[in-house]
Amino acid sequence: MEDSIHSYKDLIVWQKAADLAVLIYEITETFPTNELYGLVSQMRRCAISIISNIAEGRRRGSRKDFHQFLTIAYGSGAELEAQIIVVKRLSFGSKLDFEQIDGLVIEIMKMLNKMLHSI
C-alpha cells in the first residue's frame, strides 16, 4: 500500500463515500414510513458498508486484505446503484433529486474499480 497515505481518512474515495453516506441518510429520511425496514434500511446499510469496508481494509495492513475489502465495498456500491434505480421507478422516488447522489456513486465506483486494478 502507498506509504504516503497513513490513514483511510486520507483516501479521497473514503471521503467521498462519507459524503455519499450522509446524502443517503438525508434522502431516505423523506421515504414513506412503510419503507423504513425495506429500502431505507437496505440503502443505508449499503452506503455504510462502502465507507466501512474501505476503512477496515486499509487498516488490515496487507494488500491482499485491502483488495478483499475494496471488493466488498465495490459490491455494496453496485447494490446501492440497483436500489437507487428501483427508488427512481417508484412514485415517491420519481419526485426526488438524485443528481448529487448519482454523481458520487459513479465517481466512487470508478475510483474503487481503479484501485482494485492497481493493487
PDB file of N, CA and C in Angstrom:
ATOM      1  N   MET A   1       0.840  -1.182   0.000  1.00  0.00           N
ATOM      2  CA  MET A   1       0.000   0.000   0.000  1.00  0.00           C
ATOM      3  C   MET A   1       0.883   1.243   0.000  1.00  0.00           C
ATOM      4  N   GLU A   2       0.295   2.327  -0.399  1.00  0.00           N
ATOM      5  CA  GLU A   2       1.055   3.560  -0.507  1.00  0.00           C
ATOM      6  C   GLU A   2       1.438   4.079   0.874  1.00  0.00           C
ATOM      7  N   ASP A   3       2.735   4.347   1.028  1.00  0.00           N
ATOM      8  CA  ASP A   3       3.227   4.860   2.306  1.00  0.00           C
ATOM      9  C   ASP A   3       2.799   6.300   2.554  1.00  0.00           C
ATOM     10  N   SER A   4       2.525   7.041   1.479  1.00  0.00           N
ATOM     11  CA  SER A   4       2.163   8.449   1.640  1.00  0.00           C
ATOM     12  C   SER A   4       0.764   8.615   2.237  1.00  0.00           C
ATOM     13  N   ILE A   5      -0.022   7.551   2.205  1.00  0.00           N
ATOM     14  CA  ILE A   5      -1.363   7.601   2.786  1.00  0.00           C
ATOM     15  C   ILE A   5      -1.319   6.855   4.109  1.00  0.00           C
ATOM     16  N   HIS A   6      -1.449   7.581   5.189  1.00  0.00           N
ATOM     17  CA  HIS A   6      -1.293   6.991   6.507  1.00  0.00           C
ATOM     18  C   HIS A   6      -2.598   6.470   7.091  1.00  0.00           C
ATOM     19  N   SER A   7      -3.681   7.017   6.671  1.00  0.00           N
ATOM     20  CA  SER A   7      -4.971   6.660   7.243  1.00  0.00           C
ATOM     21  C   SER A   7      -6.001   6.521   6.140  1.00  0.00           C
ATOM     22  N   TYR A   8      -6.998   5.700   6.384  1.00  0.00           N
ATOM     23  CA  TYR A   8      -8.103   5.594   5.435  1.00  0.00           C
ATOM     24  C   TYR A   8      -8.783   6.948   5.249  1.00  0.00           C
ATOM     25  N   LYS A   9      -8.723   7.807   6.261  1.00  0.00           N
ATOM     26  CA  LYS A   9      -9.346   9.130   6.165  1.00  0.00           C
ATOM     27  C   LYS A   9      -8.657  10.014   5.129  1.00  0.00           C
ATOM     28  N   ASP A  10      -7.408   9.672   4.761  1.00  0.00           N
ATOM     29  CA  ASP A  10      -6.681  10.414   3.735  1.00  0.00           C
ATOM     30  C   ASP A  10      -7.103  10.021   2.323  1.00  0.00           C
ATOM     31  N   LEU A  11      -7.793   8.907   2.190  1.00  0.00           N
ATOM     32  CA  LEU A  11      -8.215   8.429   0.877  1.00  0.00           C
ATOM     33  C   LEU A  11      -9.396   9.258   0.362  1.00  0.00           C
ATOM     34  N   ILE A  12      -9.254   9.813  -0.825  1.00  0.00           N
ATOM     35  CA  ILE A  12     -10.329  10.606  -1.423  1.00  0.00           C
ATOM     36  C   ILE A  12     -11.584   9.759  -1.573  1.00  0.00           C
ATOM     37  N   VAL A  13     -11.428   8.490  -1.951  1.00  0.00           N
ATOM     38  CA  VAL A  13     -12.591   7.614  -2.125  1.00  0.00           C
ATOM     39  C   VAL A  13     -13.337   7.439  -0.798  1.00  0.00           C
ATOM     40  N   TRP A  14     -12.609   7.368   0.308  1.00  0.00           N
ATOM     41  CA  TRP A  14     -13.262   7.240   1.610  1.00  0.00           C
ATOM     42  C   TRP A  14     -14.020   8.540   1.937  1.00  0.00           C
ATOM     43  N   GLN A  15     -13.410   9.681   1.656  1.00  0.00           N
ATOM     44  CA  GLN A  15     -14.048  10.971   1.922  1.00  0.00           C
ATOM     45  C   GLN A  15     -15.332  11.122   1.110  1.00  0.00           C
ATOM     46  N   LYS A  16     -15.280  10.711  -0.145  1.00  0.00           N
ATOM     47  CA  LYS A  16     -16.470  10.785  -0.998  1.00  0.00           C
ATOM     48  C   LYS A  16     -17.531   9.782  -0.537  1.00  0.00           C
ATOM     49  N   ALA A  17     -17.103   8.616  -0.068  1.00  0.00           N
ATOM     50  CA  ALA A  17     -18.046   7.624   0.451  1.00  0.00           C
ATOM     51  C   ALA A  17     -18.722   8.142   1.720  1.00  0.00           C
ATOM     52  N   ALA A  18     -18.009   8.909   2.522  1.00  0.00           N
ATOM     53  CA  ALA A  18     -18.607   9.521   3.717  1.00  0.00           C
ATOM     54  C   ALA A  18     -19.676  10.529   3.296  1.00  0.00           C
ATOM     55  N   ASP A  19     -19.367  11.331   2.282  1.00  0.00           N
ATOM     56  CA  ASP A  19     -20.354  12.282   1.760  1.00  0.00           C
ATOM     57  C   ASP A  19     -21.584  11.546   1.238  1.00  0.00           C
ATOM     58  N   LEU A  20     -21.354  10.450   0.520  1.00  0.00           N
ATOM     59  CA  LEU A  20     -22.457   9.664  -0.029  1.00  0.00           C
ATOM     60  C   LEU A  20     -23.328   9.098   1.088  1.00  0.00           C
ATOM     61  N   ALA A  21     -22.718   8.577   2.128  1.00  0.00           N
ATOM     62  CA  ALA A  21     -23.485   8.004   3.241  1.00  0.00           C
ATOM     63  C   ALA A  21     -24.401   9.058   3.864  1.00  0.00           C
ATOM     64  N   VAL A  22     -23.882  10.248   4.050  1.00  0.00           N
ATOM     65  CA  VAL A  22     -24.691  11.333   4.615  1.00  0.00           C
ATOM     66  C   VAL A  22     -25.862  11.657   3.689  1.00  0.00           C
ATOM     67  N   LEU A  23     -25.599  11.755   2.391  1.00  0.00           N
ATOM     68  CA  LEU A  23     -26.670  12.050   1.435  1.00  0.00           C
ATOM     69  C   LEU A  23     -27.729  10.950   1.406  1.00  0.00           C
ATOM     70  N   ILE A  24     -27.296   9.702   1.512  1.00  0.00           N
ATOM     71  CA  ILE A  24     -28.251   8.592   1.525  1.00  0.00           C
ATOM     72  C   ILE A  24     -29.115   8.675   2.784  1.00  0.00           C
ATOM     73  N   TYR A  25     -28.513   8.964   3.920  1.00  0.00           N
ATOM     74  CA  TYR A  25     -29.302   9.117   5.143  1.00  0.00           C
ATOM     75  C   TYR A  25     -30.312  10.251   4.997  1.00  0.00           C
ATOM     76  N   GLU A  26     -29.868  11.358   4.400  1.00  0.00           N
ATOM     77  CA  GLU A  26     -30.763  12.508   4.254  1.00  0.00           C
ATOM     78  C   GLU A  26     -31.918  12.213   3.299  1.00  0.00           C
ATOM     79  N   ILE A  27     -31.633  11.609   2.156  1.00  0.00           N
ATOM     80  CA  ILE A  27     -32.709  11.381   1.187  1.00  0.00           C
ATOM     81  C   ILE A  27     -33.676  10.305   1.674  1.00  0.00           C
ATOM     82  N   THR A  28     -33.174   9.300   2.388  1.00  0.00           N
ATOM     83  CA  THR A  28     -34.068   8.247   2.874  1.00  0.00           C
ATOM     84  C   THR A  28     -34.961   8.725   4.009  1.00  0.00           C
ATOM     85  N   GLU A  29     -34.611   9.852   4.612  1.00  0.00           N
ATOM     86  CA  GLU A  29     -35.489  10.463   5.625  1.00  0.00           C
ATOM     87  C   GLU A  29     -36.829  10.855   5.006  1.00  0.00           C
ATOM     88  N   THR A  30     -36.819  11.089   3.704  1.00  0.00           N
ATOM     89  CA  THR A  30     -38.036  11.535   3.023  1.00  0.00           C
ATOM     90  C   THR A  30     -38.881  10.373   2.501  1.00  0.00           C
ATOM     91  N   PHE A  31     -38.383   9.150   2.612  1.00  0.00           N
ATOM     92  CA  PHE A  31     -39.116   7.987   2.111  1.00  0.00           C
ATOM     93  C   PHE A  31     -40.338   7.722   2.987  1.00  0.00           C
ATOM     94  N   PRO A  32     -41.343   7.080   2.442  1.00  0.00           N
ATOM     95  CA  PRO A  32     -42.525   6.727   3.247  1.00  0.00           C
ATOM     96  C   PRO A  32     -42.131   5.818   4.418  1.00  0.00           C
ATOM     97  N   THR A  33     -42.865   5.935   5.506  1.00  0.00           N
ATOM     98  CA  THR A  33     -42.540   5.137   6.696  1.00  0.00           C
ATOM     99  C   THR A  33     -42.649   3.639   6.448  1.00  0.00           C
ATOM    100  N   ASN A  34     -43.474   3.223   5.505  1.00  0.00           N
ATOM    101  CA  ASN A  34     -43.579   1.793   5.235  1.00  0.00           C
ATOM    102  C   ASN A  34     -42.312   1.234   4.576  1.00  0.00           C
ATOM    103  N   GLU A  35     -41.375   2.095   4.173  1.00  0.00           N
ATOM    104  CA  GLU A  35     -40.101   1.658   3.607  1.00  0.00           C
ATOM    105  C   GLU A  35     -38.977   1.631   4.646  1.00  0.00           C
ATOM    106  N   LEU A  36     -39.299   1.946   5.897  1.00  0.00           N
ATOM    107  CA  LEU A  36     -38.277   2.015   6.940  1.00  0.00           C
ATOM    108  C   LEU A  36     -37.472   0.730   7.043  1.00  0.00           C
ATOM    109  N   TYR A  37     -38.131  -0.414   6.971  1.00  0.00           N
ATOM    110  CA  TYR A  37     -37.435  -1.696   7.109  1.00  0.00           C
ATOM    111  C   TYR A  37     -37.122  -2.329   5.762  1.00  0.00           C
ATOM    112  N   GLY A  38     -37.427  -1.610   4.693  1.00  0.00           N
ATOM    113  CA  GLY A  38     -37.142  -2.080   3.348  1.00  0.00           C
ATOM    114  C   GLY A  38     -36.017  -1.274   2.740  1.00  0.00           C
ATOM    115  N   LEU A  39     -36.368  -0.418   1.818  1.00  0.00           N
ATOM    116  CA  LEU A  39     -35.366   0.350   1.086  1.00  0.00           C
ATOM    117  C   LEU A  39     -34.542   1.283   1.975  1.00  0.00           C
ATOM    118  N   VAL A  40     -35.152   1.900   2.956  1.00  0.00           N
ATOM    119  CA  VAL A  40     -34.402   2.811   3.832  1.00  0.00           C
ATOM    120  C   VAL A  40     -33.265   2.055   4.506  1.00  0.00           C
ATOM    121  N   SER A  41     -33.601   0.960   5.147  1.00  0.00           N
ATOM    122  CA  SER A  41     -32.602   0.165   5.858  1.00  0.00           C
ATOM    123  C   SER A  41     -31.542  -0.377   4.902  1.00  0.00           C
ATOM    124  N   GLN A  42     -31.969  -0.907   3.783  1.00  0.00           N
ATOM    125  CA  GLN A  42     -31.056  -1.522   2.821  1.00  0.00           C
ATOM    126  C   GLN A  42     -30.088  -0.492   2.227  1.00  0.00           C
ATOM    127  N   MET A  43     -30.614   0.650   1.828  1.00  0.00           N
ATOM    128  CA  MET A  43     -29.764   1.672   1.221  1.00  0.00           C
ATOM    129  C   MET A  43     -28.770   2.245   2.226  1.00  0.00           C
ATOM    130  N   ARG A  44     -29.208   2.443   3.440  1.00  0.00           N
ATOM    131  CA  ARG A  44     -28.297   2.952   4.473  1.00  0.00           C
ATOM    132  C   ARG A  44     -27.195   1.943   4.771  1.00  0.00           C
ATOM    133  N   ARG A  45     -27.564   0.674   4.854  1.00  0.00           N
ATOM    134  CA  ARG A  45     -26.549  -0.353   5.127  1.00  0.00           C
ATOM    135  C   ARG A  45     -25.524  -0.433   4.004  1.00  0.00           C
ATOM    136  N   CYS A  46     -25.983  -0.310   2.759  1.00  0.00           N
ATOM    137  CA  CYS A  46     -25.048  -0.333   1.631  1.00  0.00           C
ATOM    138  C   CYS A  46     -24.088   0.854   1.685  1.00  0.00           C
ATOM    139  N   ALA A  47     -24.622   2.031   1.927  1.00  0.00           N
ATOM    140  CA  ALA A  47     -23.780   3.227   1.981  1.00  0.00           C
ATOM    141  C   ALA A  47     -22.756   3.127   3.105  1.00  0.00           C
ATOM    142  N   ILE A  48     -23.183   2.633   4.260  1.00  0.00           N
ATOM    143  CA  ILE A  48     -22.271   2.467   5.391  1.00  0.00           C
ATOM    144  C   ILE A  48     -21.254   1.364   5.105  1.00  0.00           C
ATOM    145  N   SER A  49     -21.677   0.339   4.388  1.00  0.00           N
ATOM    146  CA  SER A  49     -20.775  -0.756   4.037  1.00  0.00           C
ATOM    147  C   SER A  49     -19.625  -0.268   3.154  1.00  0.00           C
ATOM    148  N   ILE A  50     -19.914   0.636   2.246  1.00  0.00           N
ATOM    149  CA  ILE A  50     -18.857   1.153   1.368  1.00  0.00           C
ATOM    150  C   ILE A  50     -17.772   1.816   2.203  1.00  0.00           C
ATOM    151  N   ILE A  51     -18.162   2.775   3.011  1.00  0.00           N
ATOM    152  CA  ILE A  51     -17.181   3.529   3.795  1.00  0.00           C
ATOM    153  C   ILE A  51     -16.482   2.641   4.836  1.00  0.00           C
ATOM    154  N   SER A  52     -17.236   1.728   5.435  1.00  0.00           N
ATOM    155  CA  SER A  52     -16.678   0.857   6.477  1.00  0.00           C
ATOM    156  C   SER A  52     -15.660  -0.130   5.916  1.00  0.00           C
ATOM    157  N   ASN A  53     -15.949  -0.685   4.760  1.00  0.00           N
ATOM    158  CA  ASN A  53     -15.031  -1.661   4.179  1.00  0.00           C
ATOM    159  C   ASN A  53     -13.763  -1.023   3.645  1.00  0.00           C
ATOM    160  N   ILE A  54     -13.872   0.192   3.141  1.00  0.00           N
ATOM    161  CA  ILE A  54     -12.659   0.916   2.747  1.00  0.00           C
ATOM    162  C   ILE A  54     -11.776   1.119   3.979  1.00  0.00           C
ATOM    163  N   ALA A  55     -12.385   1.563   5.073  1.00  0.00           N
ATOM    164  CA  ALA A  55     -11.631   1.813   6.308  1.00  0.00           C
ATOM    165  C   ALA A  55     -11.021   0.527   6.868  1.00  0.00           C
ATOM    166  N   GLU A  56     -11.834  -0.515   6.966  1.00  0.00           N
ATOM    167  CA  GLU A  56     -11.324  -1.764   7.541  1.00  0.00           C
ATOM    168  C   GLU A  56     -10.209  -2.354   6.687  1.00  0.00           C
ATOM    169  N   GLY A  57     -10.409  -2.354   5.385  1.00  0.00           N
ATOM    170  CA  GLY A  57      -9.387  -2.903   4.503  1.00  0.00           C
ATOM    171  C   GLY A  57      -8.071  -2.157   4.597  1.00  0.00           C
ATOM    172  N   ARG A  58      -8.152  -0.846   4.695  1.00  0.00           N
ATOM    173  CA  ARG A  58      -6.929  -0.030   4.802  1.00  0.00           C
ATOM    174  C   ARG A  58      -6.204  -0.318   6.107  1.00  0.00           C
ATOM    175  N   ARG A  59      -6.944  -0.543   7.170  1.00  0.00           N
ATOM    176  CA  ARG A  59      -6.335  -0.795   8.480  1.00  0.00           C
ATOM    177  C   ARG A  59      -5.772  -2.204   8.626  1.00  0.00           C
ATOM    178  N   ARG A  60      -6.223  -3.126   7.795  1.00  0.00           N
ATOM    179  CA  ARG A  60      -5.757  -4.509   7.900  1.00  0.00           C
ATOM    180  C   ARG A  60      -4.270  -4.644   7.648  1.00  0.00           C
ATOM    181  N   GLY A  61      -3.731  -3.806   6.778  1.00  0.00           N
ATOM    182  CA  GLY A  61      -2.277  -3.771   6.635  1.00  0.00           C
ATOM    183  C   GLY A  61      -1.699  -4.516   5.447  1.00  0.00           C
ATOM    184  N   SER A  62      -2.392  -5.492   4.885  1.00  0.00           N
ATOM    185  CA  SER A  62      -1.822  -6.193   3.735  1.00  0.00           C
ATOM    186  C   SER A  62      -2.575  -5.822   2.468  1.00  0.00           C
ATOM    187  N   ARG A  63      -1.889  -5.924   1.351  1.00  0.00           N
ATOM    188  CA  ARG A  63      -2.514  -5.631   0.055  1.00  0.00           C
ATOM    189  C   ARG A  63      -3.663  -6.592  -0.220  1.00  0.00           C
ATOM    190  N   LYS A  64      -3.462  -7.851   0.125  1.00  0.00           N
ATOM    191  CA  LYS A  64      -4.499  -8.862  -0.106  1.00  0.00           C
ATOM    192  C   LYS A  64      -5.771  -8.519   0.659  1.00  0.00           C
ATOM    193  N   ASP A  65      -5.630  -8.163   1.929  1.00  0.00           N
ATOM    194  CA  ASP A  65      -6.795  -7.788   2.733  1.00  0.00           C
ATOM    195  C   ASP A  65      -7.455  -6.525   2.195  1.00  0.00           C
ATOM    196  N   PHE A  66      -6.631  -5.543   1.843  1.00  0.00           N
ATOM    197  CA  PHE A  66      -7.174  -4.289   1.325  1.00  0.00           C
ATOM    198  C   PHE A  66      -7.975  -4.561   0.056  1.00  0.00           C
ATOM    199  N   HIS A  67      -7.435  -5.378  -0.830  1.00  0.00           N
ATOM    200  CA  HIS A  67      -8.125  -5.729  -2.069  1.00  0.00           C
ATOM    201  C   HIS A  67      -9.462  -6.406  -1.777  1.00  0.00           C
ATOM    202  N   GLN A  68      -9.457  -7.336  -0.830  1.00  0.00           N
ATOM    203  CA  GLN A  68     -10.688  -8.059  -0.474  1.00  0.00           C
ATOM    204  C   GLN A  68     -11.763  -7.095   0.036  1.00  0.00           C
ATOM    205  N   PHE A  69     -11.391  -6.175   0.905  1.00  0.00           N
ATOM    206  CA  PHE A  69     -12.367  -5.249   1.465  1.00  0.00           C
ATOM    207  C   PHE A  69     -12.817  -4.204   0.442  1.00  0.00           C
ATOM    208  N   LEU A  70     -11.922  -3.823  -0.475  1.00  0.00           N
ATOM    209  CA  LEU A  70     -12.338  -2.929  -1.558  1.00  0.00           C
ATOM    210  C   LEU A  70     -13.333  -3.629  -2.474  1.00  0.00           C
ATOM    211  N   THR A  71     -13.147  -4.930  -2.669  1.00  0.00           N
ATOM    212  CA  THR A  71     -14.089  -5.708  -3.468  1.00  0.00           C
ATOM    213  C   THR A  71     -15.466  -5.722  -2.817  1.00  0.00           C
ATOM    214  N   ILE A  72     -15.497  -5.852  -1.513  1.00  0.00           N
ATOM    215  CA  ILE A  72     -16.772  -5.829  -0.779  1.00  0.00           C
ATOM    216  C   ILE A  72     -17.418  -4.445  -0.902  1.00  0.00           C
ATOM    217  N   ALA A  73     -16.623  -3.396  -0.758  1.00  0.00           N
ATOM    218  CA  ALA A  73     -17.135  -2.029  -0.900  1.00  0.00           C
ATOM    219  C   ALA A  73     -17.698  -1.818  -2.305  1.00  0.00           C
ATOM    220  N   TYR A  74     -17.007  -2.346  -3.298  1.00  0.00           N
ATOM    221  CA  TYR A  74     -17.455  -2.232  -4.690  1.00  0.00           C
ATOM    222  C   TYR A  74     -18.792  -2.948  -4.881  1.00  0.00           C
ATOM    223  N   GLY A  75     -18.930  -4.112  -4.277  1.00  0.00           N
ATOM    224  CA  GLY A  75     -20.198  -4.848  -4.337  1.00  0.00           C
ATOM    225  C   GLY A  75     -21.324  -4.089  -3.670  1.00  0.00           C
ATOM    226  N   SER A  76     -21.044  -3.471  -2.535  1.00  0.00           N
ATOM    227  CA  SER A  76     -22.059  -2.669  -1.849  1.00  0.00           C
ATOM    228  C   SER A  76     -22.464  -1.470  -2.691  1.00  0.00           C
ATOM    229  N   GLY A  77     -21.506  -0.904  -3.416  1.00  0.00           N
ATOM    230  CA  GLY A  77     -21.819   0.197  -4.320  1.00  0.00           C
ATOM    231  C   GLY A  77     -22.753  -0.243  -5.441  1.00  0.00           C
ATOM    232  N   ALA A  78     -22.528  -1.434  -5.956  1.00  0.00           N
ATOM    233  CA  ALA A  78     -23.403  -1.965  -7.003  1.00  0.00           C
ATOM    234  C   ALA A  78     -24.809  -2.203  -6.466  1.00  0.00           C
ATOM    235  N   GLU A  79     -24.897  -2.718  -5.237  1.00  0.00           N
ATOM    236  CA  GLU A  79     -26.210  -2.904  -4.605  1.00  0.00           C
ATOM    237  C   GLU A  79     -26.931  -1.573  -4.479  1.00  0.00           C
ATOM    238  N   LEU A  80     -26.201  -0.554  -4.022  1.00  0.00           N
ATOM    239  CA  LEU A  80     -26.800   0.768  -3.850  1.00  0.00           C
ATOM    240  C   LEU A  80     -27.270   1.328  -5.189  1.00  0.00           C
ATOM    241  N   GLU A  81     -26.480   1.144  -6.237  1.00  0.00           N
ATOM    242  CA  GLU A  81     -26.895   1.590  -7.572  1.00  0.00           C
ATOM    243  C   GLU A  81     -28.229   0.952  -7.966  1.00  0.00           C
ATOM    244  N   ALA A  82     -28.348  -0.344  -7.742  1.00  0.00           N
ATOM    245  CA  ALA A  82     -29.574  -1.066  -8.095  1.00  0.00           C
ATOM    246  C   ALA A  82     -30.766  -0.563  -7.293  1.00  0.00           C
ATOM    247  N   GLN A  83     -30.558  -0.304  -6.016  1.00  0.00           N
ATOM    248  CA  GLN A  83     -31.640   0.192  -5.163  1.00  0.00           C
ATOM    249  C   GLN A  83     -32.084   1.584  -5.584  1.00  0.00           C
ATOM    250  N   ILE A  84     -31.143   2.404  -5.986  1.00  0.00           N
ATOM    251  CA  ILE A  84     -31.475   3.753  -6.467  1.00  0.00           C
ATOM    252  C   ILE A  84     -32.333   3.659  -7.727  1.00  0.00           C
ATOM    253  N   ILE A  85     -32.010   2.738  -8.604  1.00  0.00           N
ATOM    254  CA  ILE A  85     -32.807   2.537  -9.818  1.00  0.00           C
ATOM    255  C   ILE A  85     -34.250   2.194  -9.456  1.00  0.00           C
ATOM    256  N   VAL A  86     -34.425   1.303  -8.486  1.00  0.00           N
ATOM    257  CA  VAL A  86     -35.773   0.917  -8.055  1.00  0.00           C
ATOM    258  C   VAL A  86     -36.514   2.111  -7.472  1.00  0.00           C
ATOM    259  N   VAL A  87     -35.848   2.860  -6.596  1.00  0.00           N
ATOM    260  CA  VAL A  87     -36.493   4.019  -5.963  1.00  0.00           C
ATOM    261  C   VAL A  87     -36.948   5.023  -7.020  1.00  0.00           C
ATOM    262  N   LYS A  88     -36.127   5.277  -8.008  1.00  0.00           N
ATOM    263  CA  LYS A  88     -36.486   6.233  -9.060  1.00  0.00           C
ATOM    264  C   LYS A  88     -37.726   5.795  -9.831  1.00  0.00           C
ATOM    265  N   ARG A  89     -37.977   4.496  -9.881  1.00  0.00           N
ATOM    266  CA  ARG A  89     -39.142   3.971 -10.599  1.00  0.00           C
ATOM    267  C   ARG A  89     -40.410   3.969  -9.757  1.00  0.00           C
ATOM    268  N   LEU A  90     -40.256   4.163  -8.458  1.00  0.00           N
ATOM    269  CA  LEU A  90     -41.419   4.210  -7.572  1.00  0.00           C
ATOM    270  C   LEU A  90     -42.013   5.615  -7.564  1.00  0.00           C
ATOM    271  N   SER A  91     -43.306   5.708  -7.278  1.00  0.00           N
ATOM    272  CA  SER A  91     -43.975   7.011  -7.347  1.00  0.00           C
ATOM    273  C   SER A  91     -43.327   8.043  -6.422  1.00  0.00           C
ATOM    274  N   PHE A  92     -42.989   7.666  -5.212  1.00  0.00           N
ATOM    275  CA  PHE A  92     -42.387   8.646  -4.288  1.00  0.00           C
ATOM    276  C   PHE A  92     -40.966   9.004  -4.705  1.00  0.00           C
ATOM    277  N   GLY A  93     -40.264   8.091  -5.329  1.00  0.00           N
ATOM    278  CA  GLY A  93     -38.872   8.320  -5.708  1.00  0.00           C
ATOM    279  C   GLY A  93     -38.712   9.135  -6.961  1.00  0.00           C
ATOM    280  N   SER A  94     -39.708   9.091  -7.814  1.00  0.00           N
ATOM    281  CA  SER A  94     -39.608   9.834  -9.076  1.00  0.00           C
ATOM    282  C   SER A  94     -39.597  11.341  -8.849  1.00  0.00           C
ATOM    283  N   LYS A  95     -40.024  11.760  -7.674  1.00  0.00           N
ATOM    284  CA  LYS A  95     -40.070  13.187  -7.345  1.00  0.00           C
ATOM    285  C   LYS A  95     -38.792  13.679  -6.646  1.00  0.00           C
ATOM    286  N   LEU A  96     -37.898  12.734  -6.311  1.00  0.00           N
ATOM    287  CA  LEU A  96     -36.696  13.090  -5.561  1.00  0.00           C
ATOM    288  C   LEU A  96     -35.534  13.433  -6.490  1.00  0.00           C
ATOM    289  N   ASP A  97     -34.624  14.262  -5.991  1.00  0.00           N
ATOM    290  CA  ASP A  97     -33.455  14.680  -6.759  1.00  0.00           C
ATOM    291  C   ASP A  97     -32.252  13.812  -6.375  1.00  0.00           C
ATOM    292  N   PHE A  98     -31.851  12.952  -7.289  1.00  0.00           N
ATOM    293  CA  PHE A  98     -30.730  12.046  -7.052  1.00  0.00           C
ATOM    294  C   PHE A  98     -29.464  12.498  -7.770  1.00  0.00           C
ATOM    295  N   GLU A  99     -29.469  13.687  -8.333  1.00  0.00           N
ATOM    296  CA  GLU A  99     -28.343  14.135  -9.156  1.00  0.00           C
ATOM    297  C   GLU A  99     -27.003  14.052  -8.416  1.00  0.00           C
ATOM    298  N   GLN A 100     -26.930  14.602  -7.226  1.00  0.00           N
ATOM    299  CA  GLN A 100     -25.674  14.603  -6.478  1.00  0.00           C
ATOM    300  C   GLN A 100     -25.289  13.182  -6.066  1.00  0.00           C
ATOM    301  N   ILE A 101     -26.268  12.401  -5.643  1.00  0.00           N
ATOM    302  CA  ILE A 101     -26.009  11.013  -5.247  1.00  0.00           C
ATOM    303  C   ILE A 101     -25.512  10.213  -6.449  1.00  0.00           C
ATOM    304  N   ASP A 102     -26.183  10.344  -7.587  1.00  0.00           N
ATOM    305  CA  ASP A 102     -25.766   9.625  -8.793  1.00  0.00           C
ATOM    306  C   ASP A 102     -24.320   9.953  -9.157  1.00  0.00           C
ATOM    307  N   GLY A 103     -23.986  11.224  -9.107  1.00  0.00           N
ATOM    308  CA  GLY A 103     -22.623  11.641  -9.433  1.00  0.00           C
ATOM    309  C   GLY A 103     -21.591  11.038  -8.502  1.00  0.00           C
ATOM    310  N   LEU A 104     -21.895  11.037  -7.217  1.00  0.00           N
ATOM    311  CA  LEU A 104     -20.969  10.462  -6.240  1.00  0.00           C
ATOM    312  C   LEU A 104     -20.833   8.957  -6.410  1.00  0.00           C
ATOM    313  N   VAL A 105     -21.945   8.274  -6.629  1.00  0.00           N
ATOM    314  CA  VAL A 105     -21.889   6.819  -6.803  1.00  0.00           C
ATOM    315  C   VAL A 105     -21.008   6.480  -8.007  1.00  0.00           C
ATOM    316  N   ILE A 106     -21.213   7.165  -9.115  1.00  0.00           N
ATOM    317  CA  ILE A 106     -20.404   6.908 -10.312  1.00  0.00           C
ATOM    318  C   ILE A 106     -18.928   7.150 -10.023  1.00  0.00           C
ATOM    319  N   GLU A 107     -18.637   8.260  -9.386  1.00  0.00           N
ATOM    320  CA  GLU A 107     -17.248   8.616  -9.082  1.00  0.00           C
ATOM    321  C   GLU A 107     -16.608   7.598  -8.143  1.00  0.00           C
ATOM    322  N   ILE A 108     -17.314   7.215  -7.101  1.00  0.00           N
ATOM    323  CA  ILE A 108     -16.793   6.250  -6.134  1.00  0.00           C
ATOM    324  C   ILE A 108     -16.554   4.897  -6.798  1.00  0.00           C
ATOM    325  N   MET A 109     -17.502   4.456  -7.605  1.00  0.00           N
ATOM    326  CA  MET A 109     -17.350   3.162  -8.270  1.00  0.00           C
ATOM    327  C   MET A 109     -16.152   3.180  -9.223  1.00  0.00           C
ATOM    328  N   LYS A 110     -15.937   4.264  -9.943  1.00  0.00           N
ATOM    329  CA  LYS A 110     -14.769   4.375 -10.816  1.00  0.00           C
ATOM    330  C   LYS A 110     -13.480   4.334 -10.005  1.00  0.00           C
ATOM    331  N   MET A 111     -13.474   5.048  -8.895  1.00  0.00           N
ATOM    332  CA  MET A 111     -12.276   5.084  -8.046  1.00  0.00           C
ATOM    333  C   MET A 111     -11.981   3.703  -7.463  1.00  0.00           C
ATOM    334  N   LEU A 112     -13.013   3.037  -6.969  1.00  0.00           N
ATOM    335  CA  LEU A 112     -12.814   1.697  -6.410  1.00  0.00           C
ATOM    336  C   LEU A 112     -12.334   0.733  -7.490  1.00  0.00           C
ATOM    337  N   ASN A 113     -12.909   0.819  -8.667  1.00  0.00           N
ATOM    338  CA  ASN A 113     -12.509  -0.045  -9.773  1.00  0.00           C
ATOM    339  C   ASN A 113     -11.028   0.161 -10.114  1.00  0.00           C
ATOM    340  N   LYS A 114     -10.630   1.416 -10.172  1.00  0.00           N
ATOM    341  CA  LYS A 114      -9.230   1.731 -10.470  1.00  0.00           C
ATOM    342  C   LYS A 114      -8.310   1.212  -9.361  1.00  0.00           C
ATOM    343  N   MET A 115      -8.724   1.400  -8.126  1.00  0.00           N
ATOM    344  CA  MET A 115      -7.900   0.917  -7.000  1.00  0.00           C
ATOM    345  C   MET A 115      -7.781  -0.592  -7.033  1.00  0.00           C
ATOM    346  N   LEU A 116      -8.885  -1.282  -7.314  1.00  0.00           N
ATOM    347  CA  LEU A 116      -8.869  -2.746  -7.373  1.00  0.00           C
ATOM    348  C   LEU A 116      -7.909  -3.251  -8.448  1.00  0.00           C
ATOM    349  N   HIS A 117      -7.837  -2.557  -9.547  1.00  0.00           N
ATOM    350  CA  HIS A 117      -6.958  -2.985 -10.629  1.00  0.00           C
ATOM    351  C   HIS A 117      -5.496  -2.570 -10.417  1.00  0.00           C
ATOM    352  N   SER A 118      -5.262  -1.673  -9.479  1.00  0.00           N
ATOM    353  CA  SER A 118      -3.892  -1.226  -9.239  1.00  0.00           C
ATOM    354  C   SER A 118      -3.230  -1.915  -8.038  1.00  0.00           C
ATOM    355  N   ILE A 119      -4.023  -2.652  -7.267  1.00  0.00           N
ATOM    356  CA  ILE A 119      -3.460  -3.335  -6.079  1.00  0.00           C
ATOM    357  C   ILE A 119      -2.997  -4.722  -6.474  1.00  0.00           C
TER     358      ILE A 119
END
